[in-house]
Amino acid sequence: MKLFFGFLLAALVIWSGSAITAIFIGIAYSLILNLPDTFLTKLIGSRLLQIGIVILGLSISFNSALKITSIHLPYISILVLLTFFLGVLIGRLLGLDKKLVLLIAAGTAICGGAAMAAVAPIIKAKPQDLLTCITIIFLLNAIAIAVFPVAGIYFNLTQEEFGAWAAMAIHDTSSVVGAAMIYGEDAVESAATLKLGRTLWLIPLILFLSYKYQIKESKGFQFPVFVLLFLLAILLGTYINFDSQSLSFIKFISQSFLLCGLFCIGSQIDKKILTNISIKPLQLALILWIIIIPSSYLLIQAII
């Protein structure tokens, strides 16, 4: 019965076309029905988002993606490096455990929970530490989806500017795309492309930490395959050169997967998740985010 109700809500979310509605309906669904940790919607959210992002790639031309990344990627790279090493420095000043600091620094600098999950087995982080960090980032992402579009309107950002800002300042890919969906269709294109470019920094980070921790082969690390599939989808879409009617259909299918994914992500929030928050790790994540948000905004204004 709970699952059937979930399908009805997912259909409602697709009909609404609103990312923020998807998130909050998912949260309400979880809290009201007290969904177990093994419930379907809590397990497939990330996968649905990844499928939606890959399908979105079919609607993006290679030349457009190349133009966006060539302008912004150098600045994104600088921001990633500064965020990571600043996170390590501030974490030490706060007296946090070294492994906890690395998790938060990696998640904030690159791609949130995915980066943390990749780093955790290499540095042999405690499961509870990983859960704490992912919980903190998850809640910040939920705030970002609601607040960033409002801020973008206040600052009168263009679609491309907002997409770039979201890609630089928001942690997880799902939340970047969610915020961009609220702002506009063109914002999604630039946000998804640049955010996945930022995700590529997982490769040097893993190599660096593997060397530092003297691990020749990190069996726990799996680079997000959907990033490569997204790039292949861009190439395929450019080669086929879909007509406008086909592009509209592709974008609708992509949006449907993204909205359902955000609904499922929202359903992951429950009462227990709030008990996993510790003050000092939260302080570090907030300090870094408070630095990144205006810094990335100023970078965008300088670039465009």
Protein backbone atom coordinates (compact mmCIF):
# COMPACT_ATOMS: atom_id res chain seq x y z
CA MET A 1 0.00 0.00 0.00
CA LYS A 2 2.85 2.38 0.88
CA LEU A 3 4.55 1.61 -2.44
CA PHE A 4 1.35 2.15 -4.43
CA PHE A 5 0.86 5.50 -2.70
CA GLY A 6 4.46 6.32 -3.58
CA PHE A 7 3.79 5.69 -7.29
CA LEU A 8 0.79 8.02 -7.13
CA LEU A 9 2.90 10.74 -5.51
CA ALA A 10 5.64 10.25 -8.12
CA ALA A 11 3.04 10.79 -10.85
CA LEU A 12 1.88 13.94 -9.04
CA VAL A 13 5.48 15.17 -8.88
CA ILE A 14 5.96 14.65 -12.64
CA TRP A 15 2.70 16.49 -13.30
CA SER A 16 3.79 19.41 -11.10
CA GLY A 17 7.14 19.75 -12.88
CA SER A 18 8.61 21.34 -9.74
CA ALA A 19 11.87 20.13 -8.20
CA ILE A 20 11.22 21.76 -4.82
CA THR A 21 7.74 20.18 -4.74
CA ALA A 22 9.32 16.79 -5.46
CA ILE A 23 11.72 17.13 -2.53
CA PHE A 24 9.12 18.24 0.01
CA ILE A 25 6.51 15.68 -1.07
CA GLY A 26 9.21 13.03 -0.62
CA ILE A 27 10.02 14.32 2.87
CA ALA A 28 6.33 14.38 3.87
CA TYR A 29 5.85 10.88 2.42
CA SER A 30 8.71 9.54 4.54
CA LEU A 31 7.77 11.29 7.80
CA ILE A 32 4.03 10.59 7.65
CA LEU A 33 4.28 6.91 6.67
CA ASN A 34 7.49 6.27 8.66
CA LEU A 35 9.22 4.46 5.80
CA PRO A 36 11.82 1.79 6.70
CA ASP A 37 15.45 2.19 5.62
CA THR A 38 15.07 -0.63 3.08
CA PHE A 39 12.03 0.91 1.37
CA LEU A 40 12.32 1.14 -2.43
CA THR A 41 12.26 4.94 -2.70
CA LYS A 42 15.16 5.22 -0.26
CA LEU A 43 17.31 2.95 -2.42
CA ILE A 44 16.77 4.15 -5.99
CA GLY A 45 16.89 7.96 -5.74
CA SER A 46 20.50 8.41 -6.88
CA ARG A 47 20.07 5.89 -9.71
CA LEU A 48 17.01 7.69 -11.08
CA LEU A 49 18.86 11.00 -10.99
CA GLN A 50 21.83 9.52 -12.82
CA ILE A 51 19.57 8.10 -15.53
CA GLY A 52 17.90 11.49 -15.89
CA ILE A 53 21.25 13.26 -16.21
CA VAL A 54 22.49 10.80 -18.85
CA ILE A 55 19.29 11.25 -20.89
CA LEU A 56 19.71 15.01 -20.53
CA GLY A 57 23.08 14.63 -22.25
CA LEU A 58 21.29 13.62 -25.47
CA SER A 59 19.79 17.13 -25.66
CA ILE A 60 23.11 18.96 -25.17
CA SER A 61 25.31 19.72 -28.19
CA PHE A 62 29.01 18.97 -27.92
CA ASN A 63 29.95 22.48 -29.04
CA SER A 64 27.73 24.00 -26.37
CA ALA A 65 29.21 21.77 -23.66
CA LEU A 66 32.75 22.53 -24.84
CA LYS A 67 32.09 26.26 -24.77
CA ILE A 68 30.67 26.14 -21.25
CA THR A 69 33.47 24.00 -19.81
CA SER A 70 36.30 25.87 -21.54
CA ILE A 71 35.16 29.11 -19.91
CA HIS A 72 34.42 27.84 -16.40
CA LEU A 73 36.46 24.67 -15.79
CA PRO A 74 39.77 26.41 -14.90
CA TYR A 75 37.97 28.47 -12.24
CA ILE A 76 36.10 25.43 -10.96
CA SER A 77 39.43 23.62 -10.62
CA ILE A 78 40.91 26.46 -8.59
CA LEU A 79 37.84 26.53 -6.35
CA VAL A 80 37.98 22.75 -5.83
CA LEU A 81 41.62 22.85 -4.74
CA LEU A 82 41.18 25.87 -2.47
CA THR A 83 38.07 24.37 -0.86
CA PHE A 84 39.73 21.03 -0.18
CA PHE A 85 42.91 22.39 1.38
CA LEU A 86 41.05 25.14 3.24
CA GLY A 87 38.76 22.45 4.65
CA VAL A 88 41.74 20.46 5.88
CA LEU A 89 43.24 23.57 7.51
CA ILE A 90 40.02 24.72 9.22
CA GLY A 91 39.28 21.16 10.33
CA ARG A 92 42.62 20.97 12.09
CA LEU A 93 42.01 24.33 13.76
CA LEU A 94 38.67 22.99 15.03
CA GLY A 95 40.45 19.94 16.43
CA LEU A 96 38.45 17.44 14.37
CA ASP A 97 39.58 13.90 13.62
CA LYS A 98 41.76 13.85 10.49
CA LYS A 99 39.62 11.31 8.65
CA LEU A 100 36.43 13.21 9.44
CA VAL A 101 38.06 16.35 8.04
CA LEU A 102 39.06 14.59 4.82
CA LEU A 103 35.51 13.34 4.32
CA ILE A 104 33.95 16.79 4.71
CA ALA A 105 36.67 18.51 2.66
CA ALA A 106 36.27 16.01 -0.21
CA GLY A 107 32.48 16.15 -0.12
CA THR A 108 32.37 19.95 -0.06
CA ALA A 109 35.05 20.44 -2.70
CA ILE A 110 33.91 17.89 -5.27
CA CYS A 111 30.57 16.10 -5.24
CA GLY A 112 29.12 15.59 -1.78
CA GLY A 113 28.15 12.09 -0.71
CA ALA A 114 29.65 10.41 -3.79
CA ALA A 115 33.10 11.84 -3.02
CA MET A 116 32.78 10.86 0.64
CA ALA A 117 31.78 7.31 -0.26
CA ALA A 118 34.78 7.08 -2.60
CA VAL A 119 37.25 8.45 -0.05
CA ALA A 120 35.99 6.53 3.01
CA PRO A 121 37.44 3.06 2.20
CA ILE A 122 40.80 4.54 1.20
CA ILE A 123 41.35 6.43 4.46
CA LYS A 124 39.55 3.67 6.42
CA ALA A 125 37.00 6.04 7.91
CA LYS A 126 34.58 4.76 10.53
CA PRO A 127 31.07 4.00 9.19
CA GLN A 128 29.56 6.35 11.80
CA ASP A 129 31.83 9.19 10.63
CA LEU A 130 30.77 8.63 7.02
CA LEU A 131 27.10 8.60 8.05
CA THR A 132 27.55 11.82 10.03
CA CYS A 133 29.20 13.63 7.12
CA ILE A 134 26.69 12.42 4.53
CA THR A 135 23.81 13.50 6.79
CA ILE A 136 25.25 17.01 7.14
CA ILE A 137 25.84 17.41 3.41
CA PHE A 138 22.39 16.00 2.66
CA LEU A 139 20.68 18.62 4.83
CA LEU A 140 22.76 21.44 3.31
CA ASN A 141 21.76 20.20 -0.14
CA ALA A 142 18.07 20.35 0.81
CA ILE A 143 18.56 23.95 1.94
CA ALA A 144 20.41 24.77 -1.29
CA ILE A 145 17.58 23.55 -3.52
CA ALA A 146 15.15 25.90 -1.77
CA VAL A 147 17.41 28.93 -1.28
CA PHE A 148 19.63 29.16 -4.37
CA PRO A 149 16.86 29.80 -6.95
CA VAL A 150 15.48 32.60 -4.77
CA ALA A 151 18.98 34.09 -4.45
CA GLY A 152 19.50 33.78 -8.20
CA ILE A 153 16.34 35.77 -8.87
CA TYR A 154 17.35 38.37 -6.27
CA PHE A 155 20.77 38.83 -7.90
CA ASN A 156 19.18 38.81 -11.37
CA LEU A 157 21.42 36.02 -12.66
CA THR A 158 21.06 34.72 -16.20
CA GLN A 159 20.34 31.03 -16.80
CA GLU A 160 24.00 30.31 -17.60
CA GLU A 161 25.25 32.30 -14.61
CA PHE A 162 22.94 30.50 -12.22
CA GLY A 163 23.84 27.09 -13.64
CA ALA A 164 27.53 27.83 -13.18
CA TRP A 165 26.99 29.17 -9.66
CA ALA A 166 24.99 26.11 -8.63
CA ALA A 167 27.62 23.79 -10.12
CA MET A 168 30.36 25.53 -8.14
CA ALA A 169 28.63 26.06 -4.80
CA ILE A 170 26.23 23.13 -4.24
CA HIS A 171 27.59 19.77 -3.12
CA ASP A 172 25.74 16.86 -4.74
CA THR A 173 24.99 16.59 -8.45
CA SER A 174 21.33 15.81 -7.69
CA SER A 175 20.90 19.04 -5.74
CA VAL A 176 22.74 21.08 -8.38
CA VAL A 177 20.33 19.81 -11.03
CA GLY A 178 17.36 20.20 -8.68
CA ALA A 179 18.12 23.86 -8.01
CA ALA A 180 18.78 24.50 -11.70
CA MET A 181 15.46 22.89 -12.69
CA ILE A 182 13.64 25.40 -10.52
CA TYR A 183 15.54 28.30 -12.14
CA GLY A 184 15.10 27.31 -15.78
CA GLU A 185 15.75 24.84 -18.58
CA ASP A 186 18.97 26.49 -19.83
CA ALA A 187 20.33 26.59 -16.28
CA VAL A 188 20.05 22.79 -16.09
CA GLU A 189 22.28 22.36 -19.15
CA SER A 190 25.14 24.50 -17.83
CA ALA A 191 24.74 23.22 -14.26
CA ALA A 192 24.84 19.53 -15.20
CA THR A 193 27.77 19.93 -17.58
CA LEU A 194 29.92 21.95 -15.19
CA LYS A 195 29.04 19.88 -12.13
CA LEU A 196 30.07 16.67 -13.85
CA GLY A 197 33.27 18.41 -14.91
CA ARG A 198 33.85 19.17 -11.23
CA THR A 199 33.20 15.50 -10.42
CA LEU A 200 36.21 14.54 -12.57
CA TRP A 201 38.38 15.84 -9.73
CA LEU A 202 37.59 12.58 -7.95
CA ILE A 203 40.29 10.94 -10.06
CA PRO A 204 43.30 13.00 -8.85
CA LEU A 205 41.89 13.05 -5.31
CA ILE A 206 41.70 9.25 -5.19
CA LEU A 207 45.20 8.91 -6.65
CA PHE A 208 46.56 11.41 -4.11
CA LEU A 209 44.92 9.77 -1.10
CA SER A 210 45.80 6.27 -2.31
CA TYR A 211 49.45 7.31 -2.50
CA LYS A 212 49.29 9.13 0.84
CA TYR A 213 47.74 6.12 2.58
CA GLN A 214 49.98 3.72 0.63
CA ILE A 215 47.17 1.81 -1.04
CA LYS A 216 48.27 0.47 -4.41
CA GLU A 217 44.78 -0.61 -5.42
CA SER A 218 41.69 0.98 -3.99
CA LYS A 219 39.06 -1.73 -4.42
CA GLY A 220 36.55 0.45 -2.62
CA PHE A 221 36.68 3.18 -5.26
CA GLN A 222 34.40 3.17 -8.27
CA PHE A 223 34.39 6.26 -10.46
CA PRO A 224 30.81 7.31 -11.22
CA VAL A 225 30.06 5.55 -14.53
CA PHE A 226 27.18 7.91 -15.23
CA VAL A 227 29.69 10.76 -15.76
CA LEU A 228 31.20 8.87 -18.70
CA LEU A 229 27.74 7.88 -19.96
CA PHE A 230 26.71 11.55 -19.80
CA LEU A 231 29.68 12.51 -21.98
CA LEU A 232 28.88 9.70 -24.43
CA ALA A 233 25.24 10.85 -24.53
CA ILE A 234 26.38 14.36 -25.49
CA LEU A 235 28.47 12.93 -28.35
CA LEU A 236 25.62 10.65 -29.48
CA GLY A 237 23.08 13.46 -29.38
CA THR A 238 25.39 15.73 -31.38
CA TYR A 239 25.98 12.99 -33.97
CA ILE A 240 22.27 12.17 -34.40
CA ASN A 241 21.22 15.85 -34.29
CA PHE A 242 17.65 15.33 -33.04
CA ASP A 243 14.83 17.50 -34.38
CA SER A 244 12.98 19.89 -32.06
CA GLN A 245 10.09 17.48 -31.41
CA SER A 246 12.48 14.68 -30.43
CA LEU A 247 14.45 17.05 -28.20
CA SER A 248 11.26 18.07 -26.39
CA PHE A 249 10.43 14.42 -25.75
CA ILE A 250 13.99 13.68 -24.53
CA LYS A 251 13.85 16.63 -22.14
CA PHE A 252 10.47 15.49 -20.79
CA ILE A 253 11.77 11.96 -20.13
CA SER A 254 14.91 13.38 -18.50
CA GLN A 255 12.86 15.73 -16.33
CA SER A 256 10.56 12.88 -15.28
CA PHE A 257 13.50 10.79 -14.08
CA LEU A 258 15.06 13.79 -12.32
CA LEU A 259 11.82 14.70 -10.53
CA CYS A 260 11.19 11.11 -9.43
CA GLY A 261 14.80 10.92 -8.25
CA LEU A 262 14.41 14.08 -6.18
CA PHE A 263 11.16 12.71 -4.72
CA CYS A 264 13.03 9.55 -3.68
CA ILE A 265 15.91 11.62 -2.27
CA GLY A 266 13.39 13.56 -0.17
CA SER A 267 11.97 10.28 1.15
CA GLN A 268 15.40 9.48 2.62
CA ILE A 269 14.90 12.12 5.31
CA ASP A 270 13.48 10.73 8.54
CA LYS A 271 13.63 11.47 12.25
CA LYS A 272 16.70 9.28 12.74
CA ILE A 273 18.78 11.27 10.28
CA LEU A 274 18.74 14.30 12.58
CA THR A 275 20.37 12.28 15.37
CA ASN A 276 23.47 11.72 13.20
CA ILE A 277 24.47 15.39 13.24
CA SER A 278 27.48 16.39 15.35
CA ILE A 279 28.24 20.04 16.12
CA LYS A 280 31.92 20.34 15.10
CA PRO A 281 31.61 18.56 11.73
CA LEU A 282 28.54 20.72 11.06
CA GLN A 283 30.58 23.82 11.92
CA LEU A 284 33.28 22.85 9.43
CA ALA A 285 30.77 22.15 6.65
CA LEU A 286 28.96 25.44 7.30
CA ILE A 287 32.17 27.51 7.43
CA LEU A 288 33.34 26.06 4.11
CA TRP A 289 29.95 26.62 2.50
CA ILE A 290 29.76 30.20 3.77
CA ILE A 291 33.14 30.82 2.11
CA ILE A 292 32.29 28.99 -1.14
CA ILE A 293 28.91 30.62 -1.84
CA PRO A 294 30.13 34.25 -2.16
CA SER A 295 33.49 33.20 -3.65
CA SER A 296 31.85 31.23 -6.46
CA TYR A 297 29.35 34.05 -7.05
CA LEU A 298 32.17 36.59 -7.43
CA LEU A 299 34.01 34.23 -9.78
CA ILE A 300 30.91 33.94 -11.97
CA GLN A 301 30.57 37.71 -12.11
CA ALA A 302 34.23 38.05 -13.08
CA ILE A 303 34.02 35.38 -15.80
CA ILE A 304 30.77 36.25 -17.57
